């Protein structure tokens, strides 16, 4: 699916790299650093440019919570319009390559690999306190919504 391809691409080329940066700055995450091209270049090459600026703002704002948004491939793909919660996507985990015995699993916008089995980034103690447009996974998300940062 488009969503599956997006999550794999964003994980491989961006979120996994952000997770590996030590004390990253907004500039490093958006503009890149040695061996890492940053969100702006990736977005302009891979996605519709009109969405790139909006997602850059979300990524920059995530500096306040250890760049959790910048480490969540499914959330980024939802923000650029490649994954829609209403699709109820089942995707392959991009972590560690594709294991032929592995089955696709439900998407989760708050994990490091975009699936329900991934490592949850940030707090998951807010499900009873979700605001408008906020949700945890495809099971409780509407169009254009993704997890609370």
N, C-alpha and C. Protein backbone atom coordinates (compact mmCIF):
# COMPACT_ATOMS: atom_id res chain seq x y z
N UNK A 1 0.84 -1.20 0.00
CA UNK A 1 0.00 0.00 0.00
C UNK A 1 0.87 1.25 0.00
N UNK A 2 0.28 2.37 -0.35
CA UNK A 2 1.00 3.65 -0.31
C UNK A 2 1.47 3.92 1.12
N UNK A 3 0.62 3.63 2.07
CA UNK A 3 0.96 3.87 3.47
C UNK A 3 2.15 3.02 3.89
N UNK A 4 2.11 1.75 3.57
CA UNK A 4 3.19 0.83 3.92
C UNK A 4 4.52 1.31 3.34
N UNK A 5 4.49 1.71 2.07
CA UNK A 5 5.69 2.20 1.39
C UNK A 5 6.20 3.47 2.06
N UNK A 6 5.29 4.36 2.41
CA UNK A 6 5.67 5.61 3.07
C UNK A 6 6.33 5.33 4.41
N UNK A 7 5.71 4.50 5.22
CA UNK A 7 6.25 4.21 6.56
C UNK A 7 7.66 3.62 6.45
N UNK A 8 7.84 2.71 5.52
CA UNK A 8 9.16 2.10 5.34
C UNK A 8 10.19 3.15 4.91
N UNK A 9 9.83 3.99 3.95
CA UNK A 9 10.73 5.01 3.44
C UNK A 9 11.08 6.04 4.52
N UNK A 10 10.06 6.53 5.23
CA UNK A 10 10.29 7.54 6.27
C UNK A 10 11.10 6.95 7.42
N UNK A 11 10.83 5.70 7.76
CA UNK A 11 11.62 5.05 8.82
C UNK A 11 13.08 4.93 8.40
N UNK A 12 13.30 4.37 7.21
CA UNK A 12 14.68 4.12 6.75
C UNK A 12 15.48 5.41 6.56
N UNK A 13 14.85 6.42 6.01
CA UNK A 13 15.58 7.62 5.63
C UNK A 13 15.49 8.77 6.62
N UNK A 14 14.57 8.67 7.60
CA UNK A 14 14.42 9.81 8.50
C UNK A 14 14.27 9.44 9.97
N UNK A 15 13.17 8.79 10.35
CA UNK A 15 12.90 8.62 11.79
C UNK A 15 13.95 7.78 12.51
N UNK A 16 14.45 6.73 11.87
CA UNK A 16 15.49 5.92 12.51
C UNK A 16 16.78 6.73 12.66
N UNK A 17 17.02 7.65 11.74
CA UNK A 17 18.22 8.50 11.82
C UNK A 17 18.07 9.54 12.93
N UNK A 18 16.88 10.12 13.05
CA UNK A 18 16.62 11.09 14.13
C UNK A 18 16.83 10.40 15.48
N UNK A 19 16.32 9.18 15.59
CA UNK A 19 16.45 8.44 16.85
C UNK A 19 17.92 8.21 17.21
N UNK A 20 18.79 8.15 16.20
CA UNK A 20 20.21 7.92 16.44
C UNK A 20 21.02 9.17 16.72
N UNK A 21 20.43 10.33 16.55
CA UNK A 21 21.15 11.58 16.81
C UNK A 21 21.26 11.84 18.30
N UNK A 22 22.40 12.32 18.74
CA UNK A 22 22.59 12.64 20.15
C UNK A 22 22.29 14.11 20.36
N UNK A 23 21.31 14.40 21.21
CA UNK A 23 20.88 15.78 21.49
C UNK A 23 20.69 16.59 20.21
N UNK A 24 19.78 16.16 19.34
CA UNK A 24 19.60 16.86 18.06
C UNK A 24 18.99 18.25 18.24
N UNK A 25 19.30 19.12 17.31
CA UNK A 25 18.70 20.45 17.27
C UNK A 25 17.62 20.46 16.19
N UNK A 26 16.76 21.46 16.21
CA UNK A 26 15.74 21.60 15.18
C UNK A 26 16.41 21.70 13.81
N UNK A 27 17.47 22.45 13.72
CA UNK A 27 18.19 22.62 12.46
C UNK A 27 18.71 21.29 11.93
N UNK A 28 19.30 20.47 12.80
CA UNK A 28 19.82 19.17 12.35
C UNK A 28 18.69 18.28 11.83
N UNK A 29 17.58 18.26 12.53
CA UNK A 29 16.46 17.40 12.16
C UNK A 29 15.82 17.86 10.86
N UNK A 30 15.65 19.17 10.69
CA UNK A 30 15.01 19.68 9.48
C UNK A 30 15.96 19.80 8.29
N UNK A 31 17.17 20.27 8.55
CA UNK A 31 18.10 20.58 7.46
C UNK A 31 19.18 19.52 7.24
N UNK A 32 19.31 18.61 8.19
CA UNK A 32 20.29 17.54 8.05
C UNK A 32 21.61 17.85 8.74
N UNK A 33 22.41 16.83 8.82
CA UNK A 33 23.74 16.91 9.42
C UNK A 33 24.59 15.87 8.71
N UNK A 34 25.80 15.69 9.08
CA UNK A 34 26.69 14.75 8.41
C UNK A 34 26.07 13.35 8.31
N UNK A 35 25.94 12.84 7.11
CA UNK A 35 25.39 11.50 6.89
C UNK A 35 23.88 11.41 6.98
N UNK A 36 23.19 12.54 7.05
CA UNK A 36 21.74 12.55 7.24
C UNK A 36 21.19 13.79 6.56
N UNK A 37 20.29 13.60 5.61
CA UNK A 37 19.87 14.75 4.80
C UNK A 37 18.74 15.58 5.39
N UNK A 38 18.11 15.15 6.46
CA UNK A 38 17.08 15.96 7.10
C UNK A 38 15.73 15.88 6.42
N UNK A 39 14.72 16.36 7.15
CA UNK A 39 13.34 16.26 6.70
C UNK A 39 13.06 17.08 5.45
N UNK A 40 13.54 18.32 5.39
CA UNK A 40 13.17 19.19 4.27
C UNK A 40 13.56 18.59 2.92
N UNK A 41 14.75 18.06 2.82
CA UNK A 41 15.20 17.47 1.56
C UNK A 41 14.40 16.21 1.25
N UNK A 42 14.23 15.34 2.23
CA UNK A 42 13.48 14.11 2.02
C UNK A 42 12.06 14.43 1.57
N UNK A 43 11.42 15.36 2.25
CA UNK A 43 10.04 15.68 1.93
C UNK A 43 9.90 16.24 0.52
N UNK A 44 10.78 17.15 0.16
CA UNK A 44 10.69 17.74 -1.18
C UNK A 44 10.94 16.71 -2.28
N UNK A 45 11.77 15.71 -2.00
CA UNK A 45 12.06 14.67 -2.99
C UNK A 45 10.96 13.62 -3.07
N UNK A 46 10.31 13.35 -1.96
CA UNK A 46 9.40 12.20 -1.89
C UNK A 46 7.91 12.53 -1.84
N UNK A 47 7.55 13.72 -1.39
CA UNK A 47 6.14 14.02 -1.15
C UNK A 47 5.73 15.34 -1.81
N UNK A 48 4.45 15.65 -1.73
CA UNK A 48 3.95 16.90 -2.28
C UNK A 48 4.45 18.06 -1.42
N UNK A 49 5.10 19.00 -2.07
CA UNK A 49 5.76 20.09 -1.35
C UNK A 49 4.82 20.89 -0.47
N UNK A 50 3.55 21.00 -0.85
CA UNK A 50 2.61 21.80 -0.05
C UNK A 50 2.45 21.25 1.37
N UNK A 51 2.63 19.95 1.53
CA UNK A 51 2.51 19.36 2.87
C UNK A 51 3.81 19.48 3.67
N UNK A 52 4.92 19.69 3.01
CA UNK A 52 6.22 19.66 3.68
C UNK A 52 6.37 20.75 4.74
N UNK A 53 5.92 21.94 4.43
CA UNK A 53 6.06 23.05 5.38
C UNK A 53 5.28 22.78 6.66
N UNK A 54 4.04 22.31 6.50
CA UNK A 54 3.20 22.02 7.67
C UNK A 54 3.84 20.95 8.55
N UNK A 55 4.35 19.91 7.93
CA UNK A 55 4.98 18.83 8.70
C UNK A 55 6.28 19.31 9.33
N UNK A 56 7.00 20.19 8.66
CA UNK A 56 8.21 20.77 9.25
C UNK A 56 7.89 21.51 10.54
N UNK A 57 6.77 22.20 10.57
CA UNK A 57 6.34 22.91 11.78
C UNK A 57 6.05 21.91 12.91
N UNK A 58 5.37 20.82 12.57
CA UNK A 58 5.08 19.80 13.60
C UNK A 58 6.37 19.17 14.12
N UNK A 59 7.29 18.91 13.23
CA UNK A 59 8.58 18.31 13.63
C UNK A 59 9.35 19.28 14.52
N UNK A 60 9.40 20.54 14.13
CA UNK A 60 10.11 21.54 14.94
C UNK A 60 9.48 21.67 16.32
N UNK A 61 8.15 21.63 16.39
CA UNK A 61 7.46 21.75 17.68
C UNK A 61 7.75 20.55 18.58
N UNK A 62 8.09 19.41 17.98
CA UNK A 62 8.32 18.22 18.79
C UNK A 62 9.65 18.27 19.54
N UNK A 63 10.43 19.35 19.36
CA UNK A 63 11.65 19.54 20.16
C UNK A 63 11.29 19.53 21.65
N UNK A 64 10.07 19.95 21.95
CA UNK A 64 9.64 20.03 23.36
C UNK A 64 9.38 18.67 23.99
N UNK A 65 9.29 17.63 23.21
CA UNK A 65 9.10 16.29 23.78
C UNK A 65 10.06 15.29 23.16
N UNK A 66 11.33 15.68 23.11
CA UNK A 66 12.41 14.81 22.64
C UNK A 66 12.25 14.40 21.18
N UNK A 67 11.61 15.25 20.39
CA UNK A 67 11.38 14.98 18.96
C UNK A 67 10.60 13.69 18.74
N UNK A 68 9.66 13.37 19.65
CA UNK A 68 8.90 12.14 19.47
C UNK A 68 8.17 12.10 18.13
N UNK A 69 7.58 13.22 17.73
CA UNK A 69 6.88 13.22 16.44
C UNK A 69 7.84 12.89 15.30
N UNK A 70 9.04 13.41 15.37
CA UNK A 70 10.04 13.18 14.32
C UNK A 70 10.57 11.75 14.33
N UNK A 71 10.20 10.95 15.32
CA UNK A 71 10.63 9.55 15.40
C UNK A 71 9.47 8.59 15.10
N UNK A 72 8.31 9.12 14.70
CA UNK A 72 7.12 8.30 14.47
C UNK A 72 6.78 8.28 12.98
N UNK A 73 7.21 7.24 12.26
CA UNK A 73 7.00 7.23 10.82
C UNK A 73 5.54 7.25 10.38
N UNK A 74 4.67 6.53 11.08
CA UNK A 74 3.26 6.50 10.66
C UNK A 74 2.61 7.85 10.89
N UNK A 75 2.97 8.55 11.97
CA UNK A 75 2.41 9.87 12.23
C UNK A 75 2.84 10.85 11.13
N UNK A 76 4.10 10.76 10.73
CA UNK A 76 4.60 11.64 9.67
C UNK A 76 3.90 11.33 8.36
N UNK A 77 3.72 10.05 8.06
CA UNK A 77 3.04 9.67 6.82
C UNK A 77 1.58 10.11 6.83
N UNK A 78 0.94 10.08 7.98
CA UNK A 78 -0.42 10.60 8.08
C UNK A 78 -0.43 12.10 7.83
N UNK A 79 0.55 12.80 8.38
CA UNK A 79 0.61 14.25 8.24
C UNK A 79 0.86 14.68 6.79
N UNK A 80 1.63 13.89 6.03
CA UNK A 80 1.87 14.25 4.63
C UNK A 80 0.79 13.69 3.70
N UNK A 81 -0.18 12.98 4.27
CA UNK A 81 -1.31 12.51 3.47
C UNK A 81 -1.13 11.16 2.83
N UNK A 82 -0.12 10.40 3.24
CA UNK A 82 0.11 9.08 2.65
C UNK A 82 -0.57 7.95 3.44
N UNK A 83 -0.88 8.18 4.70
CA UNK A 83 -1.58 7.20 5.53
C UNK A 83 -2.81 7.88 6.10
N UNK A 84 -3.92 7.19 6.02
CA UNK A 84 -5.17 7.72 6.55
C UNK A 84 -5.71 6.74 7.57
N UNK A 85 -6.03 7.24 8.74
CA UNK A 85 -6.53 6.37 9.80
C UNK A 85 -7.75 5.58 9.37
N UNK A 86 -8.60 6.18 8.54
CA UNK A 86 -9.80 5.49 8.10
C UNK A 86 -9.50 4.30 7.19
N UNK A 87 -8.27 4.23 6.66
CA UNK A 87 -7.88 3.08 5.84
C UNK A 87 -7.71 1.82 6.69
N UNK A 88 -7.57 2.01 8.01
CA UNK A 88 -7.31 0.90 8.93
C UNK A 88 -6.16 0.05 8.39
N UNK A 89 -5.07 0.73 8.08
CA UNK A 89 -3.92 0.07 7.44
C UNK A 89 -3.35 -1.05 8.28
N UNK A 90 -2.99 -2.11 7.63
CA UNK A 90 -2.11 -3.12 8.20
C UNK A 90 -0.82 -3.01 7.43
N UNK A 91 0.27 -2.78 8.14
CA UNK A 91 1.55 -2.54 7.47
C UNK A 91 2.63 -3.46 8.02
N UNK A 92 3.67 -3.62 7.23
CA UNK A 92 4.83 -4.39 7.68
C UNK A 92 5.73 -3.48 8.51
N UNK A 93 6.32 -4.02 9.55
CA UNK A 93 7.27 -3.25 10.33
C UNK A 93 8.54 -3.07 9.51
N UNK A 94 9.04 -1.83 9.40
CA UNK A 94 10.28 -1.60 8.65
C UNK A 94 11.54 -1.91 9.46
N UNK A 95 11.38 -2.25 10.72
CA UNK A 95 12.53 -2.48 11.59
C UNK A 95 13.18 -3.81 11.24
N UNK A 96 14.47 -3.78 10.98
CA UNK A 96 15.23 -5.01 10.76
C UNK A 96 14.95 -5.69 9.45
N UNK A 97 14.38 -4.99 8.49
CA UNK A 97 14.12 -5.61 7.19
C UNK A 97 12.86 -6.45 7.23
N UNK A 98 12.52 -7.02 6.11
CA UNK A 98 11.28 -7.79 6.02
C UNK A 98 11.57 -9.26 6.28
N UNK A 99 10.88 -9.79 7.26
CA UNK A 99 10.93 -11.21 7.59
C UNK A 99 9.77 -11.86 6.84
N UNK A 100 10.06 -12.79 5.97
CA UNK A 100 9.02 -13.39 5.14
C UNK A 100 7.95 -14.12 5.94
N UNK A 101 8.24 -14.45 7.19
CA UNK A 101 7.23 -15.13 8.00
C UNK A 101 6.35 -14.11 8.75
N UNK A 102 6.75 -12.87 8.71
CA UNK A 102 6.01 -11.84 9.44
C UNK A 102 4.78 -11.40 8.67
N UNK A 103 3.69 -11.24 9.39
CA UNK A 103 2.44 -10.78 8.79
C UNK A 103 2.32 -9.28 8.99
N UNK A 104 1.62 -8.60 8.09
CA UNK A 104 1.33 -7.19 8.34
C UNK A 104 0.55 -7.04 9.64
N UNK A 105 0.77 -5.92 10.32
CA UNK A 105 0.06 -5.70 11.57
C UNK A 105 -0.55 -4.31 11.59
N UNK A 106 -1.44 -4.10 12.52
CA UNK A 106 -2.16 -2.84 12.58
C UNK A 106 -1.20 -1.68 12.80
N UNK A 107 -1.53 -0.56 12.17
CA UNK A 107 -0.73 0.64 12.28
C UNK A 107 -0.97 1.31 13.63
N UNK A 108 0.09 1.91 14.15
CA UNK A 108 -0.03 2.75 15.35
C UNK A 108 0.81 3.99 15.10
N UNK A 109 0.19 5.14 15.23
CA UNK A 109 0.85 6.40 14.90
C UNK A 109 1.87 6.84 15.93
N UNK A 110 1.92 6.19 17.07
CA UNK A 110 2.78 6.66 18.16
C UNK A 110 4.02 5.82 18.40
N UNK A 111 4.28 4.83 17.56
CA UNK A 111 5.41 3.93 17.80
C UNK A 111 6.58 4.22 16.87
N UNK A 112 7.72 3.65 17.23
CA UNK A 112 8.95 3.90 16.46
C UNK A 112 8.95 3.25 15.08
N UNK A 113 8.10 2.24 14.87
CA UNK A 113 8.06 1.59 13.56
C UNK A 113 6.71 1.75 12.86
N UNK A 114 5.76 2.39 13.52
CA UNK A 114 4.45 2.62 12.92
C UNK A 114 3.47 1.48 13.08
N UNK A 115 3.85 0.42 13.82
CA UNK A 115 2.94 -0.70 14.03
C UNK A 115 2.62 -0.86 15.52
N UNK A 116 1.59 -1.67 15.79
CA UNK A 116 1.19 -1.90 17.17
C UNK A 116 2.26 -2.62 17.99
N UNK A 117 3.20 -3.29 17.33
CA UNK A 117 4.27 -3.98 18.06
C UNK A 117 5.50 -3.11 18.31
N UNK A 118 5.52 -1.92 17.74
CA UNK A 118 6.66 -1.04 17.89
C UNK A 118 6.78 -0.47 19.30
N UNK A 119 7.91 0.16 19.55
CA UNK A 119 8.16 0.81 20.84
C UNK A 119 7.36 2.11 20.89
N UNK A 120 6.54 2.24 21.91
CA UNK A 120 5.72 3.44 22.07
C UNK A 120 6.62 4.61 22.46
N UNK A 121 6.49 5.72 21.77
CA UNK A 121 7.30 6.91 22.04
C UNK A 121 6.45 7.95 22.75
N UNK A 122 6.92 8.43 23.87
CA UNK A 122 6.16 9.41 24.64
C UNK A 122 5.27 8.73 25.64
N UNK A 123 4.27 9.45 26.08
CA UNK A 123 3.35 8.93 27.09
C UNK A 123 2.15 8.28 26.44
N UNK A 124 1.69 7.19 27.03
CA UNK A 124 0.43 6.59 26.58
C UNK A 124 -0.60 6.71 27.68
N UNK A 125 -0.39 7.63 28.58
CA UNK A 125 -1.27 7.78 29.74
C UNK A 125 -2.34 8.83 29.52
N UNK A 126 -2.68 9.11 28.27
CA UNK A 126 -3.61 10.19 28.00
C UNK A 126 -4.84 9.77 27.21
N UNK A 127 -5.07 8.47 27.05
CA UNK A 127 -6.16 8.04 26.18
C UNK A 127 -7.51 8.57 26.64
N UNK A 128 -7.70 8.75 27.93
CA UNK A 128 -8.97 9.31 28.41
C UNK A 128 -9.02 10.81 28.28
N UNK A 129 -7.92 11.40 27.85
CA UNK A 129 -7.79 12.85 27.82
C UNK A 129 -7.48 13.36 26.42
N UNK A 130 -7.87 12.60 25.39
CA UNK A 130 -7.58 12.99 24.02
C UNK A 130 -8.45 14.16 23.61
N UNK A 131 -7.85 15.10 22.91
CA UNK A 131 -8.59 16.25 22.41
C UNK A 131 -9.09 16.00 21.00
N UNK A 132 -9.71 17.00 20.43
CA UNK A 132 -10.21 16.91 19.06
C UNK A 132 -9.03 16.68 18.12
N UNK A 133 -9.15 15.71 17.24
CA UNK A 133 -8.10 15.43 16.27
C UNK A 133 -6.94 14.63 16.81
N UNK A 134 -7.07 14.08 18.01
CA UNK A 134 -5.99 13.29 18.61
C UNK A 134 -6.46 11.86 18.84
N UNK A 135 -5.57 10.91 18.61
CA UNK A 135 -5.92 9.51 18.81
C UNK A 135 -4.64 8.70 18.92
N UNK A 136 -4.77 7.45 19.28
CA UNK A 136 -3.61 6.59 19.47
C UNK A 136 -3.33 5.68 18.29
N UNK A 137 -4.35 5.12 17.69
CA UNK A 137 -4.13 4.15 16.62
C UNK A 137 -5.30 4.20 15.65
N UNK A 138 -5.20 3.41 14.59
CA UNK A 138 -6.25 3.45 13.57
C UNK A 138 -7.61 3.04 14.13
N UNK A 139 -7.65 2.33 15.26
CA UNK A 139 -8.93 1.89 15.80
C UNK A 139 -9.74 3.03 16.40
N UNK A 140 -9.10 4.13 16.75
CA UNK A 140 -9.86 5.25 17.32
C UNK A 140 -9.53 6.57 16.65
N UNK A 141 -9.12 6.50 15.38
CA UNK A 141 -8.77 7.70 14.64
C UNK A 141 -9.73 7.94 13.50
N UNK A 142 -9.95 9.19 13.19
CA UNK A 142 -10.70 9.58 12.02
C UNK A 142 -9.75 10.14 10.98
N UNK A 143 -10.28 10.57 9.88
CA UNK A 143 -9.48 11.10 8.78
C UNK A 143 -8.60 12.25 9.24
N UNK A 144 -7.32 12.15 8.93
CA UNK A 144 -6.41 13.23 9.23
C UNK A 144 -5.94 13.32 10.67
N UNK A 145 -6.34 12.39 11.50
CA UNK A 145 -5.95 12.44 12.91
C UNK A 145 -4.77 11.51 13.17
N UNK A 146 -3.93 11.90 14.13
CA UNK A 146 -2.89 11.01 14.58
C UNK A 146 -2.55 11.34 16.02
N UNK A 147 -1.65 10.59 16.61
CA UNK A 147 -1.52 10.60 18.06
C UNK A 147 -1.10 11.92 18.67
N UNK A 148 -1.55 12.07 19.90
CA UNK A 148 -1.19 13.23 20.71
C UNK A 148 0.30 13.16 20.98
N UNK A 149 0.99 14.27 20.83
CA UNK A 149 2.42 14.27 21.07
C UNK A 149 2.71 14.48 22.54
